[in-house]
């Protein structure tokens, strides 16, 4: 499984999607399990731990400073995540179930990278506090992909301009994008969770196998 420590929870429903849970800096494979089960009840859960350590804290890719990514490492780690998904489908008998990515902060950033770098791997995504991972040379083919960006109006880590740019990048590829604005900062609020639940409930075909 390309070295990813991870958690897997089998689906409880026949046509349930795969919830790909991607934690933030300092998190692990257990952090988002309750959130994933709340947002996508009955879904199969695939929750890997980031393989990069920053001062002992797991992350999914390296950075040079806050908001300054090592893009070469990001792209390589994104490719490894795509291989992990392929292998998990085989190992756990997941077939062609659709993948719904749920990521927070660093996890949301690599989820955004996965959408841009490997179109077709993610059918829908809830990205809490994501920023632009990299700027693609050409818009990827994202028709049929649905994305919710949950951003903080007072987030000192992710500027509102970055959220707007990410919306434009996704939409240039044909993705359907919605934005929820949390009135606080980088922290995850109950309003974020409720907005995500409502959005997923409306996304029907984008998340069912």
C-alpha atoms as a PDB file:
ATOM      1  CA  UNK A   1       0.000   0.000   0.000  1.00  0.00           C
ATOM      2  CA  UNK A   2       2.938   2.323  -0.836  1.00  0.00           C
ATOM      3  CA  UNK A   3       3.859   2.643   2.819  1.00  0.00           C
ATOM      4  CA  UNK A   4       0.732   4.478   4.004  1.00  0.00           C
ATOM      5  CA  UNK A   5      -0.352   3.642   7.531  1.00  0.00           C
ATOM      6  CA  UNK A   6      -4.127   3.816   7.224  1.00  0.00           C
ATOM      7  CA  UNK A   7      -7.532   2.869   8.545  1.00  0.00           C
ATOM      8  CA  UNK A   8     -10.144   1.077   6.481  1.00  0.00           C
ATOM      9  CA  UNK A   9     -13.801   0.696   7.453  1.00  0.00           C
ATOM     10  CA  UNK A  10     -16.000  -1.422   5.150  1.00  0.00           C
ATOM     11  CA  UNK A  11     -19.138   0.097   3.666  1.00  0.00           C
ATOM     12  CA  UNK A  12     -22.444  -0.554   5.364  1.00  0.00           C
ATOM     13  CA  UNK A  13     -24.499   0.216   2.244  1.00  0.00           C
ATOM     14  CA  UNK A  14     -24.332  -1.554  -1.124  1.00  0.00           C
ATOM     15  CA  UNK A  15     -23.948   1.567  -3.260  1.00  0.00           C
ATOM     16  CA  UNK A  16     -22.095   3.707  -0.755  1.00  0.00           C
ATOM     17  CA  UNK A  17     -19.030   5.645  -1.932  1.00  0.00           C
ATOM     18  CA  UNK A  18     -15.495   5.584  -0.569  1.00  0.00           C
ATOM     19  CA  UNK A  19     -14.819   8.402   1.900  1.00  0.00           C
ATOM     20  CA  UNK A  20     -11.150   9.333   1.483  1.00  0.00           C
ATOM     21  CA  UNK A  21     -10.242  11.137   4.725  1.00  0.00           C
ATOM     22  CA  UNK A  22      -7.149  13.364   4.681  1.00  0.00           C
ATOM     23  CA  UNK A  23      -6.065  14.908   7.980  1.00  0.00           C
ATOM     24  CA  UNK A  24      -4.359  18.223   8.700  1.00  0.00           C
ATOM     25  CA  UNK A  25      -0.812  18.807   9.923  1.00  0.00           C
ATOM     26  CA  UNK A  26      -0.164  16.893  13.127  1.00  0.00           C
ATOM     27  CA  UNK A  27      -3.141  14.602  12.616  1.00  0.00           C
ATOM     28  CA  UNK A  28      -3.268  10.908  11.856  1.00  0.00           C
ATOM     29  CA  UNK A  29      -5.419   8.241  10.287  1.00  0.00           C
ATOM     30  CA  UNK A  30      -7.907   8.315  13.188  1.00  0.00           C
ATOM     31  CA  UNK A  31      -8.547  12.071  13.389  1.00  0.00           C
ATOM     32  CA  UNK A  32     -11.280  12.421  10.787  1.00  0.00           C
ATOM     33  CA  UNK A  33     -13.054   9.084  11.301  1.00  0.00           C
ATOM     34  CA  UNK A  34     -15.945  10.596  13.313  1.00  0.00           C
ATOM     35  CA  UNK A  35     -16.282  13.407  10.772  1.00  0.00           C
ATOM     36  CA  UNK A  36     -16.297  10.987   7.857  1.00  0.00           C
ATOM     37  CA  UNK A  37     -18.944   8.805   9.478  1.00  0.00           C
ATOM     38  CA  UNK A  38     -21.052  11.857  10.206  1.00  0.00           C
ATOM     39  CA  UNK A  39     -20.787  13.291   6.690  1.00  0.00           C
ATOM     40  CA  UNK A  40     -21.094  10.016   4.774  1.00  0.00           C
ATOM     41  CA  UNK A  41     -22.872   7.474   7.000  1.00  0.00           C
ATOM     42  CA  UNK A  42     -22.493   3.933   5.757  1.00  0.00           C
ATOM     43  CA  UNK A  43     -19.685   4.772   3.325  1.00  0.00           C
ATOM     44  CA  UNK A  44     -16.481   2.772   3.068  1.00  0.00           C
ATOM     45  CA  UNK A  45     -13.751   4.760   4.809  1.00  0.00           C
ATOM     46  CA  UNK A  46     -10.155   4.967   3.652  1.00  0.00           C
ATOM     47  CA  UNK A  47      -8.037   7.161   5.907  1.00  0.00           C
ATOM     48  CA  UNK A  48      -4.261   7.309   5.300  1.00  0.00           C
ATOM     49  CA  UNK A  49      -1.646   8.987   7.469  1.00  0.00           C
ATOM     50  CA  UNK A  50       0.646  11.503   5.793  1.00  0.00           C
ATOM     51  CA  UNK A  51       4.171  10.167   5.315  1.00  0.00           C
ATOM     52  CA  UNK A  52       6.067  13.439   5.805  1.00  0.00           C
ATOM     53  CA  UNK A  53       7.130  14.589   9.276  1.00  0.00           C
ATOM     54  CA  UNK A  54       7.463  18.270  10.128  1.00  0.00           C
ATOM     55  CA  UNK A  55       8.890  18.668  13.628  1.00  0.00           C
ATOM     56  CA  UNK A  56       7.459  15.244  14.396  1.00  0.00           C
ATOM     57  CA  UNK A  57       4.011  16.083  13.013  1.00  0.00           C
ATOM     58  CA  UNK A  58       2.614  14.014  10.111  1.00  0.00           C
ATOM     59  CA  UNK A  59       1.828  15.833   6.874  1.00  0.00           C
ATOM     60  CA  UNK A  60       1.095  14.728   3.334  1.00  0.00           C
ATOM     61  CA  UNK A  61       3.854  16.773   1.654  1.00  0.00           C
ATOM     62  CA  UNK A  62       6.724  19.096   2.487  1.00  0.00           C
ATOM     63  CA  UNK A  63       6.612  22.872   2.657  1.00  0.00           C
ATOM     64  CA  UNK A  64       9.298  25.526   2.881  1.00  0.00           C
ATOM     65  CA  UNK A  65       7.248  27.853   5.101  1.00  0.00           C
ATOM     66  CA  UNK A  66       3.606  28.516   6.033  1.00  0.00           C
ATOM     67  CA  UNK A  67       1.755  28.610   2.723  1.00  0.00           C
ATOM     68  CA  UNK A  68       4.915  27.995   0.653  1.00  0.00           C
ATOM     69  CA  UNK A  69       4.779  24.455  -0.707  1.00  0.00           C
ATOM     70  CA  UNK A  70       7.527  22.214  -2.024  1.00  0.00           C
ATOM     71  CA  UNK A  71       5.613  21.678  -5.263  1.00  0.00           C
ATOM     72  CA  UNK A  72       7.886  18.910  -6.561  1.00  0.00           C
ATOM     73  CA  UNK A  73       7.334  16.943  -3.363  1.00  0.00           C
ATOM     74  CA  UNK A  74       3.616  17.743  -3.432  1.00  0.00           C
ATOM     75  CA  UNK A  75       3.253  16.314  -6.931  1.00  0.00           C
ATOM     76  CA  UNK A  76       5.248  13.191  -6.078  1.00  0.00           C
ATOM     77  CA  UNK A  77       3.235  12.590  -2.906  1.00  0.00           C
ATOM     78  CA  UNK A  78       0.013  13.163  -4.855  1.00  0.00           C
ATOM     79  CA  UNK A  79       1.039  10.472  -7.331  1.00  0.00           C
ATOM     80  CA  UNK A  80       1.737   8.120  -4.408  1.00  0.00           C
ATOM     81  CA  UNK A  81      -1.729   8.843  -3.010  1.00  0.00           C
ATOM     82  CA  UNK A  82      -3.287   7.951  -6.377  1.00  0.00           C
ATOM     83  CA  UNK A  83      -1.406   4.622  -6.369  1.00  0.00           C
ATOM     84  CA  UNK A  84      -2.588   4.030  -2.786  1.00  0.00           C
ATOM     85  CA  UNK A  85      -6.204   4.470  -3.920  1.00  0.00           C
ATOM     86  CA  UNK A  86      -5.685   2.006  -6.781  1.00  0.00           C
ATOM     87  CA  UNK A  87      -4.163  -0.582  -4.460  1.00  0.00           C
ATOM     88  CA  UNK A  88      -6.868  -0.083  -1.842  1.00  0.00           C
ATOM     89  CA  UNK A  89      -9.541  -0.777  -4.451  1.00  0.00           C
ATOM     90  CA  UNK A  90      -7.889  -4.124  -5.135  1.00  0.00           C
ATOM     91  CA  UNK A  91      -7.031  -5.058  -1.559  1.00  0.00           C
ATOM     92  CA  UNK A  92     -10.455  -4.218  -0.122  1.00  0.00           C
ATOM     93  CA  UNK A  93     -12.604  -5.188  -3.100  1.00  0.00           C
ATOM     94  CA  UNK A  94     -13.932  -1.667  -3.614  1.00  0.00           C
ATOM     95  CA  UNK A  95     -14.547  -2.034  -7.328  1.00  0.00           C
ATOM     96  CA  UNK A  96     -15.636   1.141  -9.071  1.00  0.00           C
ATOM     97  CA  UNK A  97     -17.172   2.874  -6.067  1.00  0.00           C
ATOM     98  CA  UNK A  98     -16.892   6.634  -6.338  1.00  0.00           C
ATOM     99  CA  UNK A  99     -14.396   8.460  -4.139  1.00  0.00           C
ATOM    100  CA  UNK A 100     -15.481  11.422  -2.025  1.00  0.00           C
ATOM    101  CA  UNK A 101     -12.468  13.220  -0.575  1.00  0.00           C
ATOM    102  CA  UNK A 102     -12.849  14.959   2.783  1.00  0.00           C
ATOM    103  CA  UNK A 103      -9.768  16.937   3.706  1.00  0.00           C
ATOM    104  CA  UNK A 104      -8.811  19.526   6.277  1.00  0.00           C
ATOM    105  CA  UNK A 105      -5.969  22.045   5.799  1.00  0.00           C
ATOM    106  CA  UNK A 106      -2.904  20.069   4.624  1.00  0.00           C
ATOM    107  CA  UNK A 107      -5.196  17.159   3.779  1.00  0.00           C
ATOM    108  CA  UNK A 108      -7.498  19.461   1.803  1.00  0.00           C
ATOM    109  CA  UNK A 109      -4.483  20.760  -0.115  1.00  0.00           C
ATOM    110  CA  UNK A 110      -3.343  17.318  -1.245  1.00  0.00           C
ATOM    111  CA  UNK A 111      -6.960  16.456  -2.081  1.00  0.00           C
ATOM    112  CA  UNK A 112      -7.075  19.546  -4.322  1.00  0.00           C
ATOM    113  CA  UNK A 113      -3.788  18.423  -5.877  1.00  0.00           C
ATOM    114  CA  UNK A 114      -5.230  14.945  -6.482  1.00  0.00           C
ATOM    115  CA  UNK A 115      -8.245  16.442  -8.261  1.00  0.00           C
ATOM    116  CA  UNK A 116      -6.024  18.570 -10.505  1.00  0.00           C
ATOM    117  CA  UNK A 117      -3.257  16.043 -11.138  1.00  0.00           C
ATOM    118  CA  UNK A 118      -5.344  12.866 -11.464  1.00  0.00           C
ATOM    119  CA  UNK A 119      -8.755  13.792 -12.898  1.00  0.00           C
ATOM    120  CA  UNK A 120     -11.220  10.962 -12.473  1.00  0.00           C
ATOM    121  CA  UNK A 121      -9.928   9.730  -9.125  1.00  0.00           C
ATOM    122  CA  UNK A 122     -12.273  11.936  -7.084  1.00  0.00           C
ATOM    123  CA  UNK A 123     -15.936  12.409  -7.951  1.00  0.00           C
ATOM    124  CA  UNK A 124     -16.714  14.850  -5.156  1.00  0.00           C
ATOM    125  CA  UNK A 125     -14.729  16.617  -2.467  1.00  0.00           C
ATOM    126  CA  UNK A 126     -15.294  18.583   0.722  1.00  0.00           C
ATOM    127  CA  UNK A 127     -12.219  20.727   1.233  1.00  0.00           C
ATOM    128  CA  UNK A 128     -11.985  22.499   4.578  1.00  0.00           C
ATOM    129  CA  UNK A 129      -9.500  25.435   4.477  1.00  0.00           C
ATOM    130  CA  UNK A 130      -7.830  24.499   1.194  1.00  0.00           C
ATOM    131  CA  UNK A 131      -5.458  26.727  -0.752  1.00  0.00           C
ATOM    132  CA  UNK A 132      -4.149  26.527  -4.303  1.00  0.00           C
ATOM    133  CA  UNK A 133      -1.757  23.535  -4.316  1.00  0.00           C
ATOM    134  CA  UNK A 134      -0.182  24.427  -7.653  1.00  0.00           C
ATOM    135  CA  UNK A 135      -1.233  26.203 -10.840  1.00  0.00           C
ATOM    136  CA  UNK A 136      -1.791  23.757 -13.701  1.00  0.00           C
ATOM    137  CA  UNK A 137      -0.462  24.737 -17.124  1.00  0.00           C
ATOM    138  CA  UNK A 138      -3.737  23.661 -18.736  1.00  0.00           C
ATOM    139  CA  UNK A 139      -7.165  23.221 -17.121  1.00  0.00           C
ATOM    140  CA  UNK A 140      -7.694  19.533 -16.271  1.00  0.00           C
ATOM    141  CA  UNK A 141     -10.843  17.724 -17.417  1.00  0.00           C
ATOM    142  CA  UNK A 142     -13.103  18.012 -14.372  1.00  0.00           C
ATOM    143  CA  UNK A 143     -16.583  17.772 -15.880  1.00  0.00           C
ATOM    144  CA  UNK A 144     -18.787  15.806 -13.476  1.00  0.00           C
ATOM    145  CA  UNK A 145     -16.659  16.635 -10.419  1.00  0.00           C
ATOM    146  CA  UNK A 146     -18.351  18.475  -7.537  1.00  0.00           C
ATOM    147  CA  UNK A 147     -16.368  20.409  -4.935  1.00  0.00           C
ATOM    148  CA  UNK A 148     -17.326  22.240  -1.756  1.00  0.00           C
ATOM    149  CA  UNK A 149     -14.733  24.680  -0.456  1.00  0.00           C
ATOM    150  CA  UNK A 150     -15.252  25.597   3.197  1.00  0.00           C
ATOM    151  CA  UNK A 151     -13.205  28.706   3.940  1.00  0.00           C
ATOM    152  CA  UNK A 152     -12.776  31.018   6.926  1.00  0.00           C
ATOM    153  CA  UNK A 153     -13.434  34.730   6.477  1.00  0.00           C
ATOM    154  CA  UNK A 154     -10.813  35.504   9.122  1.00  0.00           C
ATOM    155  CA  UNK A 155      -8.384  32.718   8.249  1.00  0.00           C
ATOM    156  CA  UNK A 156      -4.840  34.065   8.629  1.00  0.00           C
ATOM    157  CA  UNK A 157      -3.378  30.960   6.936  1.00  0.00           C
ATOM    158  CA  UNK A 158      -5.587  30.747   3.835  1.00  0.00           C
ATOM    159  CA  UNK A 159      -6.346  34.184   2.320  1.00  0.00           C
ATOM    160  CA  UNK A 160      -9.736  34.702   0.712  1.00  0.00           C
ATOM    161  CA  UNK A 161      -7.920  35.430  -2.561  1.00  0.00           C
ATOM    162  CA  UNK A 162      -6.501  31.888  -2.532  1.00  0.00           C
ATOM    163  CA  UNK A 163      -9.990  30.448  -2.127  1.00  0.00           C
ATOM    164  CA  UNK A 164     -11.208  32.532  -5.049  1.00  0.00           C
ATOM    165  CA  UNK A 165      -8.322  31.426  -7.232  1.00  0.00           C
ATOM    166  CA  UNK A 166      -8.937  27.773  -6.413  1.00  0.00           C
ATOM    167  CA  UNK A 167     -12.604  28.199  -7.384  1.00  0.00           C
ATOM    168  CA  UNK A 168     -11.532  29.624 -10.745  1.00  0.00           C
ATOM    169  CA  UNK A 169      -9.023  26.817 -11.360  1.00  0.00           C
ATOM    170  CA  UNK A 170     -11.604  24.115 -10.659  1.00  0.00           C
ATOM    171  CA  UNK A 171     -14.319  25.834 -12.688  1.00  0.00           C
ATOM    172  CA  UNK A 172     -11.940  26.306 -15.636  1.00  0.00           C
ATOM    173  CA  UNK A 173     -11.763  22.513 -15.804  1.00  0.00           C
ATOM    174  CA  UNK A 174     -15.545  22.154 -15.729  1.00  0.00           C
ATOM    175  CA  UNK A 175     -16.046  21.256 -12.055  1.00  0.00           C
ATOM    176  CA  UNK A 176     -19.145  22.339 -10.142  1.00  0.00           C
ATOM    177  CA  UNK A 177     -17.951  24.388  -7.169  1.00  0.00           C
ATOM    178  CA  UNK A 178     -19.755  25.690  -4.094  1.00  0.00           C
ATOM    179  CA  UNK A 179     -18.248  27.806  -1.310  1.00  0.00           C
ATOM    180  CA  UNK A 180     -19.201  27.970   2.355  1.00  0.00           C
ATOM    181  CA  UNK A 181     -17.820  30.859   4.400  1.00  0.00           C
ATOM    182  CA  UNK A 182     -17.160  30.230   8.090  1.00  0.00           C
ATOM    183  CA  UNK A 183     -17.164  33.477  10.075  1.00  0.00           C
ATOM    184  CA  UNK A 184     -14.082  32.483  12.061  1.00  0.00           C
ATOM    185  CA  UNK A 185     -10.555  31.473  11.095  1.00  0.00           C
ATOM    186  CA  UNK A 186      -8.706  28.266  10.260  1.00  0.00           C
ATOM    187  CA  UNK A 187     -10.490  26.180  12.893  1.00  0.00           C
ATOM    188  CA  UNK A 188     -13.281  23.833  11.862  1.00  0.00           C
ATOM    189  CA  UNK A 189     -16.704  25.002  13.009  1.00  0.00           C
ATOM    190  CA  UNK A 190     -20.005  23.216  13.477  1.00  0.00           C
ATOM    191  CA  UNK A 191     -21.399  25.376  10.666  1.00  0.00           C
ATOM    192  CA  UNK A 192     -18.742  23.904   8.340  1.00  0.00           C
ATOM    193  CA  UNK A 193     -19.865  20.380   9.178  1.00  0.00           C
ATOM    194  CA  UNK A 194     -23.545  21.168   8.731  1.00  0.00           C
ATOM    195  CA  UNK A 195     -22.871  22.934   5.423  1.00  0.00           C
ATOM    196  CA  UNK A 196     -20.926  19.892   4.231  1.00  0.00           C
ATOM    197  CA  UNK A 197     -23.699  17.499   5.290  1.00  0.00           C
ATOM    198  CA  UNK A 198     -26.317  19.559   3.467  1.00  0.00           C
ATOM    199  CA  UNK A 199     -24.142  19.845   0.357  1.00  0.00           C
ATOM    200  CA  UNK A 200     -23.397  16.118   0.257  1.00  0.00           C
ATOM    201  CA  UNK A 201     -27.072  15.275   0.711  1.00  0.00           C
ATOM    202  CA  UNK A 202     -27.817  17.383  -2.378  1.00  0.00           C
ATOM    203  CA  UNK A 203     -24.945  15.902  -4.386  1.00  0.00           C
ATOM    204  CA  UNK A 204     -26.714  12.576  -4.946  1.00  0.00           C
ATOM    205  CA  UNK A 205     -25.336  11.257  -8.231  1.00  0.00           C
ATOM    206  CA  UNK A 206     -21.869  12.667  -7.637  1.00  0.00           C
ATOM    207  CA  UNK A 207     -21.322  10.476  -4.614  1.00  0.00           C
ATOM    208  CA  UNK A 208     -23.309   7.281  -5.246  1.00  0.00           C
ATOM    209  CA  UNK A 209     -21.699   4.304  -6.962  1.00  0.00           C
END
